[in-house]
Amino acid sequence: MAEPYRSTPEFDTGSLPEAIRNAHSTKEGVWGLLVVSEGEVRLVFHEPRRAVPVSPGNPATIPPQAVHHVETDGPMKMHVEFYRAEPVKDGR
C-alpha cells in the first residue's frame, strides 16, 4: 500500500487557504487524497466538471494534474495527503 510522502496541516473553515478554495492542481506524478475528519466538503473537478462530496470515512482521490478546488458550507476539518502512486481509500 502506498504511503503519503507529505501531508498538509489540518485546516478548518477559517484556516482553509484561498489557494485550496480556488482552482489548482497537483504536479505530474503526484496524487492527492483529501481526508475530512469533521463535517463535509465538496471536491470540485473542473474538466469534466463534477462535485464529489467528501466526509469522514469517505476520502477522495485527486489524480495528478487534475484542476480542482474545495468548497465548504459549514464547520469542517480536513487535510490533504500526497502520494507518488494512486492511494488506496481505506475508509478512514
PDB file of N, CA and C in Angstrom:
ATOM      1  N   MET A   1       0.842  -1.190   0.000  1.00  0.00           N
ATOM      2  CA  MET A   1       0.000   0.000   0.000  1.00  0.00           C
ATOM      3  C   MET A   1       0.885   1.251   0.000  1.00  0.00           C
ATOM      4  N   ALA A   2       0.524   2.236  -0.781  1.00  0.00           N
ATOM      5  CA  ALA A   2       1.284   3.480  -0.865  1.00  0.00           C
ATOM      6  C   ALA A   2       1.175   4.260   0.441  1.00  0.00           C
ATOM      7  N   GLU A   3       2.275   4.870   0.815  1.00  0.00           N
ATOM      8  CA  GLU A   3       2.320   5.721   1.996  1.00  0.00           C
ATOM      9  C   GLU A   3       2.483   7.168   1.539  1.00  0.00           C
ATOM     10  N   PRO A   4       1.813   8.115   2.221  1.00  0.00           N
ATOM     11  CA  PRO A   4       1.990   9.516   1.832  1.00  0.00           C
ATOM     12  C   PRO A   4       3.420   9.968   2.112  1.00  0.00           C
ATOM     13  N   TYR A   5       3.956  10.794   1.221  1.00  0.00           N
ATOM     14  CA  TYR A   5       5.286  11.343   1.451  1.00  0.00           C
ATOM     15  C   TYR A   5       5.207  12.732   2.077  1.00  0.00           C
ATOM     16  N   ARG A   6       3.990  13.315   2.074  1.00  0.00           N
ATOM     17  CA  ARG A   6       3.784  14.635   2.662  1.00  0.00           C
ATOM     18  C   ARG A   6       2.308  14.800   2.956  1.00  0.00           C
ATOM     19  N   SER A   7       1.998  15.680   3.892  1.00  0.00           N
ATOM     20  CA  SER A   7       0.620  15.975   4.236  1.00  0.00           C
ATOM     21  C   SER A   7       0.517  17.447   4.615  1.00  0.00           C
ATOM     22  N   THR A   8      -0.621  18.057   4.294  1.00  0.00           N
ATOM     23  CA  THR A   8      -0.842  19.437   4.737  1.00  0.00           C
ATOM     24  C   THR A   8      -1.197  19.408   6.219  1.00  0.00           C
ATOM     25  N   PRO A   9      -1.146  20.557   6.875  1.00  0.00           N
ATOM     26  CA  PRO A   9      -1.704  20.632   8.233  1.00  0.00           C
ATOM     27  C   PRO A   9      -3.212  20.404   8.148  1.00  0.00           C
ATOM     28  N   GLU A  10      -3.847  20.173   9.278  1.00  0.00           N
ATOM     29  CA  GLU A  10      -5.305  20.071   9.284  1.00  0.00           C
ATOM     30  C   GLU A  10      -5.876  21.481   9.243  1.00  0.00           C
ATOM     31  N   PHE A  11      -6.779  21.713   8.301  1.00  0.00           N
ATOM     32  CA  PHE A  11      -7.433  23.005   8.143  1.00  0.00           C
ATOM     33  C   PHE A  11      -8.859  22.922   8.649  1.00  0.00           C
ATOM     34  N   ASP A  12      -9.373  24.067   9.148  1.00  0.00           N
ATOM     35  CA  ASP A  12     -10.793  24.165   9.442  1.00  0.00           C
ATOM     36  C   ASP A  12     -11.363  25.247   8.521  1.00  0.00           C
ATOM     37  N   THR A  13     -12.643  25.558   8.692  1.00  0.00           N
ATOM     38  CA  THR A  13     -13.297  26.503   7.790  1.00  0.00           C
ATOM     39  C   THR A  13     -12.573  27.840   7.754  1.00  0.00           C
ATOM     40  N   GLY A  14     -12.099  28.304   8.903  1.00  0.00           N
ATOM     41  CA  GLY A  14     -11.429  29.594   8.974  1.00  0.00           C
ATOM     42  C   GLY A  14      -9.996  29.588   8.472  1.00  0.00           C
ATOM     43  N   SER A  15      -9.319  28.453   8.540  1.00  0.00           N
ATOM     44  CA  SER A  15      -7.905  28.406   8.157  1.00  0.00           C
ATOM     45  C   SER A  15      -7.656  27.815   6.770  1.00  0.00           C
ATOM     46  N   LEU A  16      -8.712  27.363   6.079  1.00  0.00           N
ATOM     47  CA  LEU A  16      -8.523  26.780   4.747  1.00  0.00           C
ATOM     48  C   LEU A  16      -7.983  27.849   3.795  1.00  0.00           C
ATOM     49  N   PRO A  17      -6.782  27.654   3.233  1.00  0.00           N
ATOM     50  CA  PRO A  17      -6.179  28.679   2.378  1.00  0.00           C
ATOM     51  C   PRO A  17      -6.993  28.968   1.117  1.00  0.00           C
ATOM     52  N   GLU A  18      -6.903  30.218   0.671  1.00  0.00           N
ATOM     53  CA  GLU A  18      -7.571  30.603  -0.576  1.00  0.00           C
ATOM     54  C   GLU A  18      -7.062  29.763  -1.740  1.00  0.00           C
ATOM     55  N   ALA A  19      -5.800  29.361  -1.705  1.00  0.00           N
ATOM     56  CA  ALA A  19      -5.236  28.558  -2.796  1.00  0.00           C
ATOM     57  C   ALA A  19      -5.991  27.240  -2.953  1.00  0.00           C
ATOM     58  N   ILE A  20      -6.511  26.684  -1.866  1.00  0.00           N
ATOM     59  CA  ILE A  20      -7.275  25.430  -1.938  1.00  0.00           C
ATOM     60  C   ILE A  20      -8.719  25.711  -2.344  1.00  0.00           C
ATOM     61  N   ARG A  21      -9.221  26.887  -1.999  1.00  0.00           N
ATOM     62  CA  ARG A  21     -10.599  27.273  -2.366  1.00  0.00           C
ATOM     63  C   ARG A  21     -10.704  27.661  -3.846  1.00  0.00           C
ATOM     64  N   ASN A  22      -9.559  27.945  -4.485  1.00  0.00           N
ATOM     65  CA  ASN A  22      -9.530  28.345  -5.892  1.00  0.00           C
ATOM     66  C   ASN A  22      -8.906  27.240  -6.741  1.00  0.00           C
ATOM     67  N   ALA A  23      -9.065  27.343  -8.047  1.00  0.00           N
ATOM     68  CA  ALA A  23      -8.566  26.320  -8.975  1.00  0.00           C
ATOM     69  C   ALA A  23      -7.064  26.109  -8.822  1.00  0.00           C
ATOM     70  N   HIS A  24      -6.682  24.855  -8.702  1.00  0.00           N
ATOM     71  CA  HIS A  24      -5.272  24.469  -8.613  1.00  0.00           C
ATOM     72  C   HIS A  24      -5.154  23.001  -8.989  1.00  0.00           C
ATOM     73  N   SER A  25      -3.935  22.493  -9.069  1.00  0.00           N
ATOM     74  CA  SER A  25      -3.733  21.080  -9.388  1.00  0.00           C
ATOM     75  C   SER A  25      -2.434  20.599  -8.759  1.00  0.00           C
ATOM     76  N   THR A  26      -2.291  19.282  -8.681  1.00  0.00           N
ATOM     77  CA  THR A  26      -1.027  18.705  -8.250  1.00  0.00           C
ATOM     78  C   THR A  26      -0.110  18.620  -9.471  1.00  0.00           C
ATOM     79  N   LYS A  27       1.158  18.359  -9.220  1.00  0.00           N
ATOM     80  CA  LYS A  27       2.124  18.232 -10.306  1.00  0.00           C
ATOM     81  C   LYS A  27       2.020  16.861 -10.965  1.00  0.00           C
ATOM     82  N   GLU A  28       2.672  16.716 -12.088  1.00  0.00           N
ATOM     83  CA  GLU A  28       2.733  15.435 -12.782  1.00  0.00           C
ATOM     84  C   GLU A  28       3.271  14.369 -11.826  1.00  0.00           C
ATOM     85  N   GLY A  29       2.595  13.225 -11.768  1.00  0.00           N
ATOM     86  CA  GLY A  29       3.033  12.116 -10.934  1.00  0.00           C
ATOM     87  C   GLY A  29       2.659  12.214  -9.465  1.00  0.00           C
ATOM     88  N   VAL A  30       1.962  13.285  -9.074  1.00  0.00           N
ATOM     89  CA  VAL A  30       1.582  13.472  -7.667  1.00  0.00           C
ATOM     90  C   VAL A  30       0.080  13.263  -7.508  1.00  0.00           C
ATOM     91  N   TRP A  31      -0.279  12.301  -6.659  1.00  0.00           N
ATOM     92  CA  TRP A  31      -1.675  12.016  -6.327  1.00  0.00           C
ATOM     93  C   TRP A  31      -1.997  12.681  -4.993  1.00  0.00           C
ATOM     94  N   GLY A  32      -3.222  13.139  -4.841  1.00  0.00           N
ATOM     95  CA  GLY A  32      -3.684  13.682  -3.572  1.00  0.00           C
ATOM     96  C   GLY A  32      -4.804  12.818  -3.013  1.00  0.00           C
ATOM     97  N   LEU A  33      -4.943  12.835  -1.702  1.00  0.00           N
ATOM     98  CA  LEU A  33      -6.072  12.200  -1.038  1.00  0.00           C
ATOM     99  C   LEU A  33      -6.622  13.216  -0.052  1.00  0.00           C
ATOM    100  N   LEU A  34      -7.840  13.702  -0.327  1.00  0.00           N
ATOM    101  CA  LEU A  34      -8.486  14.676   0.542  1.00  0.00           C
ATOM    102  C   LEU A  34      -9.184  13.899   1.654  1.00  0.00           C
ATOM    103  N   VAL A  35      -8.803  14.175   2.901  1.00  0.00           N
ATOM    104  CA  VAL A  35      -9.320  13.448   4.057  1.00  0.00           C
ATOM    105  C   VAL A  35     -10.037  14.439   4.974  1.00  0.00           C
ATOM    106  N   VAL A  36     -11.312  14.192   5.244  1.00  0.00           N
ATOM    107  CA  VAL A  36     -12.114  15.039   6.133  1.00  0.00           C
ATOM    108  C   VAL A  36     -12.282  14.310   7.461  1.00  0.00           C
ATOM    109  N   SER A  37     -11.997  15.010   8.558  1.00  0.00           N
ATOM    110  CA  SER A  37     -12.166  14.405   9.881  1.00  0.00           C
ATOM    111  C   SER A  37     -13.432  14.882  10.578  1.00  0.00           C
ATOM    112  N   GLU A  38     -13.964  16.046  10.172  1.00  0.00           N
ATOM    113  CA  GLU A  38     -15.223  16.557  10.718  1.00  0.00           C
ATOM    114  C   GLU A  38     -15.971  17.320   9.638  1.00  0.00           C
ATOM    115  N   GLY A  39     -17.295  17.183   9.613  1.00  0.00           N
ATOM    116  CA  GLY A  39     -18.110  17.917   8.653  1.00  0.00           C
ATOM    117  C   GLY A  39     -18.054  17.304   7.266  1.00  0.00           C
ATOM    118  N   GLU A  40     -18.235  18.159   6.256  1.00  0.00           N
ATOM    119  CA  GLU A  40     -18.229  17.701   4.872  1.00  0.00           C
ATOM    120  C   GLU A  40     -17.745  18.833   3.980  1.00  0.00           C
ATOM    121  N   VAL A  41     -17.054  18.485   2.901  1.00  0.00           N
ATOM    122  CA  VAL A  41     -16.645  19.450   1.872  1.00  0.00           C
ATOM    123  C   VAL A  41     -17.002  18.875   0.509  1.00  0.00           C
ATOM    124  N   ARG A  42     -16.943  19.735  -0.501  1.00  0.00           N
ATOM    125  CA  ARG A  42     -17.118  19.292  -1.887  1.00  0.00           C
ATOM    126  C   ARG A  42     -15.797  19.486  -2.602  1.00  0.00           C
ATOM    127  N   LEU A  43     -15.337  18.436  -3.236  1.00  0.00           N
ATOM    128  CA  LEU A  43     -14.159  18.495  -4.092  1.00  0.00           C
ATOM    129  C   LEU A  43     -14.691  18.671  -5.506  1.00  0.00           C
ATOM    130  N   VAL A  44     -14.417  19.814  -6.107  1.00  0.00           N
ATOM    131  CA  VAL A  44     -14.967  20.138  -7.422  1.00  0.00           C
ATOM    132  C   VAL A  44     -13.867  20.037  -8.468  1.00  0.00           C
ATOM    133  N   PHE A  45     -14.048  19.099  -9.403  1.00  0.00           N
ATOM    134  CA  PHE A  45     -13.132  18.950 -10.526  1.00  0.00           C
ATOM    135  C   PHE A  45     -13.637  19.820 -11.671  1.00  0.00           C
ATOM    136  N   HIS A  46     -12.720  20.406 -12.434  1.00  0.00           N
ATOM    137  CA  HIS A  46     -13.098  21.355 -13.484  1.00  0.00           C
ATOM    138  C   HIS A  46     -13.270  20.721 -14.852  1.00  0.00           C
ATOM    139  N   GLU A  47     -12.544  19.657 -15.190  1.00  0.00           N
ATOM    140  CA  GLU A  47     -12.611  19.022 -16.516  1.00  0.00           C
ATOM    141  C   GLU A  47     -12.654  17.505 -16.391  1.00  0.00           C
ATOM    142  N   PRO A  48     -13.734  16.830 -16.602  1.00  0.00           N
ATOM    143  CA  PRO A  48     -15.080  17.385 -16.734  1.00  0.00           C
ATOM    144  C   PRO A  48     -15.563  17.878 -15.373  1.00  0.00           C
ATOM    145  N   ARG A  49     -16.475  18.821 -15.415  1.00  0.00           N
ATOM    146  CA  ARG A  49     -16.989  19.446 -14.187  1.00  0.00           C
ATOM    147  C   ARG A  49     -17.797  18.417 -13.403  1.00  0.00           C
ATOM    148  N   ARG A  50     -17.387  18.183 -12.154  1.00  0.00           N
ATOM    149  CA  ARG A  50     -18.159  17.318 -11.265  1.00  0.00           C
ATOM    150  C   ARG A  50     -17.778  17.627  -9.830  1.00  0.00           C
ATOM    151  N   ALA A  51     -18.733  17.459  -8.918  1.00  0.00           N
ATOM    152  CA  ALA A  51     -18.516  17.710  -7.491  1.00  0.00           C
ATOM    153  C   ALA A  51     -18.592  16.389  -6.742  1.00  0.00           C
ATOM    154  N   VAL A  52     -17.626  16.150  -5.880  1.00  0.00           N
ATOM    155  CA  VAL A  52     -17.553  14.919  -5.099  1.00  0.00           C
ATOM    156  C   VAL A  52     -17.707  15.278  -3.625  1.00  0.00           C
ATOM    157  N   PRO A  53     -18.756  14.770  -2.941  1.00  0.00           N
ATOM    158  CA  PRO A  53     -18.870  15.029  -1.507  1.00  0.00           C
ATOM    159  C   PRO A  53     -17.818  14.217  -0.754  1.00  0.00           C
ATOM    160  N   VAL A  54     -17.153  14.855   0.214  1.00  0.00           N
ATOM    161  CA  VAL A  54     -16.109  14.205   0.999  1.00  0.00           C
ATOM    162  C   VAL A  54     -16.451  14.389   2.463  1.00  0.00           C
ATOM    163  N   SER A  55     -16.466  13.285   3.206  1.00  0.00           N
ATOM    164  CA  SER A  55     -16.842  13.303   4.615  1.00  0.00           C
ATOM    165  C   SER A  55     -15.974  12.308   5.381  1.00  0.00           C
ATOM    166  N   PRO A  56     -16.044  12.310   6.708  1.00  0.00           N
ATOM    167  CA  PRO A  56     -15.251  11.342   7.468  1.00  0.00           C
ATOM    168  C   PRO A  56     -15.547   9.913   6.998  1.00  0.00           C
ATOM    169  N   GLY A  57     -14.514   9.136   6.786  1.00  0.00           N
ATOM    170  CA  GLY A  57     -14.674   7.766   6.303  1.00  0.00           C
ATOM    171  C   GLY A  57     -14.871   7.661   4.804  1.00  0.00           C
ATOM    172  N   ASN A  58     -14.951   8.797   4.103  1.00  0.00           N
ATOM    173  CA  ASN A  58     -15.156   8.819   2.656  1.00  0.00           C
ATOM    174  C   ASN A  58     -14.175   9.807   2.013  1.00  0.00           C
ATOM    175  N   PRO A  59     -12.861   9.489   2.012  1.00  0.00           N
ATOM    176  CA  PRO A  59     -11.879  10.393   1.407  1.00  0.00           C
ATOM    177  C   PRO A  59     -12.022  10.399  -0.115  1.00  0.00           C
ATOM    178  N   ALA A  60     -11.409  11.377  -0.755  1.00  0.00           N
ATOM    179  CA  ALA A  60     -11.490  11.496  -2.213  1.00  0.00           C
ATOM    180  C   ALA A  60     -10.092  11.565  -2.818  1.00  0.00           C
ATOM    181  N   THR A  61      -9.898  10.816  -3.892  1.00  0.00           N
ATOM    182  CA  THR A  61      -8.630  10.784  -4.610  1.00  0.00           C
ATOM    183  C   THR A  61      -8.569  11.926  -5.622  1.00  0.00           C
ATOM    184  N   ILE A  62      -7.412  12.570  -5.693  1.00  0.00           N
ATOM    185  CA  ILE A  62      -7.169  13.646  -6.648  1.00  0.00           C
ATOM    186  C   ILE A  62      -6.055  13.187  -7.594  1.00  0.00           C
ATOM    187  N   PRO A  63      -6.393  12.910  -8.852  1.00  0.00           N
ATOM    188  CA  PRO A  63      -5.371  12.458  -9.812  1.00  0.00           C
ATOM    189  C   PRO A  63      -4.348  13.550 -10.127  1.00  0.00           C
ATOM    190  N   PRO A  64      -3.163  13.160 -10.577  1.00  0.00           N
ATOM    191  CA  PRO A  64      -2.150  14.138 -10.958  1.00  0.00           C
ATOM    192  C   PRO A  64      -2.676  15.124 -12.002  1.00  0.00           C
ATOM    193  N   GLN A  65      -2.367  16.382 -11.790  1.00  0.00           N
ATOM    194  CA  GLN A  65      -2.658  17.477 -12.714  1.00  0.00           C
ATOM    195  C   GLN A  65      -4.151  17.739 -12.937  1.00  0.00           C
ATOM    196  N   ALA A  66      -5.040  17.137 -12.161  1.00  0.00           N
ATOM    197  CA  ALA A  66      -6.473  17.405 -12.302  1.00  0.00           C
ATOM    198  C   ALA A  66      -6.796  18.747 -11.642  1.00  0.00           C
ATOM    199  N   VAL A  67      -7.302  19.689 -12.415  1.00  0.00           N
ATOM    200  CA  VAL A  67      -7.652  21.007 -11.873  1.00  0.00           C
ATOM    201  C   VAL A  67      -8.901  20.857 -11.009  1.00  0.00           C
ATOM    202  N   HIS A  68      -8.835  21.412  -9.787  1.00  0.00           N
ATOM    203  CA  HIS A  68      -9.915  21.243  -8.820  1.00  0.00           C
ATOM    204  C   HIS A  68      -9.875  22.366  -7.792  1.00  0.00           C
ATOM    205  N   HIS A  69     -10.922  22.447  -6.975  1.00  0.00           N
ATOM    206  CA  HIS A  69     -10.947  23.323  -5.810  1.00  0.00           C
ATOM    207  C   HIS A  69     -11.860  22.690  -4.766  1.00  0.00           C
ATOM    208  N   VAL A  70     -11.826  23.237  -3.552  1.00  0.00           N
ATOM    209  CA  VAL A  70     -12.629  22.709  -2.446  1.00  0.00           C
ATOM    210  C   VAL A  70     -13.650  23.761  -2.035  1.00  0.00           C
ATOM    211  N   GLU A  71     -14.893  23.321  -1.818  1.00  0.00           N
ATOM    212  CA  GLU A  71     -15.965  24.196  -1.342  1.00  0.00           C
ATOM    213  C   GLU A  71     -16.444  23.702   0.017  1.00  0.00           C
ATOM    214  N   THR A  72     -16.789  24.650   0.904  1.00  0.00           N
ATOM    215  CA  THR A  72     -17.315  24.304   2.225  1.00  0.00           C
ATOM    216  C   THR A  72     -18.647  25.007   2.439  1.00  0.00           C
ATOM    217  N   ASP A  73     -19.507  24.406   3.271  1.00  0.00           N
ATOM    218  CA  ASP A  73     -20.793  25.023   3.614  1.00  0.00           C
ATOM    219  C   ASP A  73     -20.930  25.276   5.108  1.00  0.00           C
ATOM    220  N   GLY A  74     -20.068  24.642   5.898  1.00  0.00           N
ATOM    221  CA  GLY A  74     -20.186  24.778   7.337  1.00  0.00           C
ATOM    222  C   GLY A  74     -18.910  24.314   8.005  1.00  0.00           C
ATOM    223  N   PRO A  75     -18.981  24.115   9.311  1.00  0.00           N
ATOM    224  CA  PRO A  75     -17.791  23.687  10.037  1.00  0.00           C
ATOM    225  C   PRO A  75     -17.227  22.380   9.483  1.00  0.00           C
ATOM    226  N   MET A  76     -15.905  22.328   9.373  1.00  0.00           N
ATOM    227  CA  MET A  76     -15.238  21.122   8.871  1.00  0.00           C
ATOM    228  C   MET A  76     -13.787  21.140   9.311  1.00  0.00           C
ATOM    229  N   LYS A  77     -13.160  19.961   9.222  1.00  0.00           N
ATOM    230  CA  LYS A  77     -11.717  19.822   9.395  1.00  0.00           C
ATOM    231  C   LYS A  77     -11.241  18.853   8.326  1.00  0.00           C
ATOM    232  N   MET A  78     -10.157  19.215   7.643  1.00  0.00           N
ATOM    233  CA  MET A  78      -9.662  18.397   6.535  1.00  0.00           C
ATOM    234  C   MET A  78      -8.161  18.578   6.372  1.00  0.00           C
ATOM    235  N   HIS A  79      -7.545  17.632   5.698  1.00  0.00           N
ATOM    236  CA  HIS A  79      -6.154  17.763   5.269  1.00  0.00           C
ATOM    237  C   HIS A  79      -5.990  17.003   3.965  1.00  0.00           C
ATOM    238  N   VAL A  80      -4.875  17.231   3.293  1.00  0.00           N
ATOM    239  CA  VAL A  80      -4.579  16.544   2.037  1.00  0.00           C
ATOM    240  C   VAL A  80      -3.268  15.787   2.208  1.00  0.00           C
ATOM    241  N   GLU A  81      -3.283  14.524   1.806  1.00  0.00           N
ATOM    242  CA  GLU A  81      -2.080  13.695   1.801  1.00  0.00           C
ATOM    243  C   GLU A  81      -1.589  13.590   0.360  1.00  0.00           C
ATOM    244  N   PHE A  82      -0.261  13.522   0.172  1.00  0.00           N
ATOM    245  CA  PHE A  82       0.322  13.454  -1.164  1.00  0.00           C
ATOM    246  C   PHE A  82       1.080  12.146  -1.345  1.00  0.00           C
ATOM    247  N   TYR A  83       0.888  11.517  -2.514  1.00  0.00           N
ATOM    248  CA  TYR A  83       1.435  10.200  -2.832  1.00  0.00           C
ATOM    249  C   TYR A  83       2.121  10.230  -4.186  1.00  0.00           C
ATOM    250  N   ARG A  84       3.029   9.299  -4.389  1.00  0.00           N
ATOM    251  CA  ARG A  84       3.705   9.135  -5.688  1.00  0.00           C
ATOM    252  C   ARG A  84       3.022   8.062  -6.546  1.00  0.00           C
ATOM    253  N   ALA A  85       2.035   7.375  -5.977  1.00  0.00           N
ATOM    254  CA  ALA A  85       1.229   6.368  -6.681  1.00  0.00           C
ATOM    255  C   ALA A  85      -0.205   6.555  -6.205  1.00  0.00           C
ATOM    256  N   GLU A  86      -1.173   6.030  -6.957  1.00  0.00           N
ATOM    257  CA  GLU A  86      -2.565   6.190  -6.579  1.00  0.00           C
ATOM    258  C   GLU A  86      -2.815   5.613  -5.186  1.00  0.00           C
ATOM    259  N   PRO A  87      -3.343   6.429  -4.264  1.00  0.00           N
ATOM    260  CA  PRO A  87      -3.590   5.938  -2.912  1.00  0.00           C
ATOM    261  C   PRO A  87      -4.813   5.030  -2.858  1.00  0.00           C
ATOM    262  N   VAL A  88      -4.814   4.140  -1.899  1.00  0.00           N
ATOM    263  CA  VAL A  88      -5.970   3.281  -1.661  1.00  0.00           C
ATOM    264  C   VAL A  88      -6.817   3.960  -0.616  1.00  0.00           C
ATOM    265  N   LYS A  89      -8.091   4.201  -0.944  1.00  0.00           N
ATOM    266  CA  LYS A  89      -9.001   4.804   0.028  1.00  0.00           C
ATOM    267  C   LYS A  89      -9.401   3.729   1.021  1.00  0.00           C
ATOM    268  N   ASP A  90      -8.892   3.857   2.225  1.00  0.00           N
ATOM    269  CA  ASP A  90      -9.122   2.796   3.226  1.00  0.00           C
ATOM    270  C   ASP A  90     -10.275   3.079   4.156  1.00  0.00           C
ATOM    271  N   GLY A  91     -11.092   4.098   3.872  1.00  0.00           N
ATOM    272  CA  GLY A  91     -12.262   4.360   4.690  1.00  0.00           C
ATOM    273  C   GLY A  91     -11.946   4.917   6.060  1.00  0.00           C
ATOM    274  N   ARG A  92     -10.860   5.705   6.120  1.00  0.00           N
ATOM    275  CA  ARG A  92     -10.513   6.322   7.400  1.00  0.00           C
ATOM    276  C   ARG A  92     -11.589   7.236   7.874  1.00  0.00           C
TER     277      ARG A  92
END
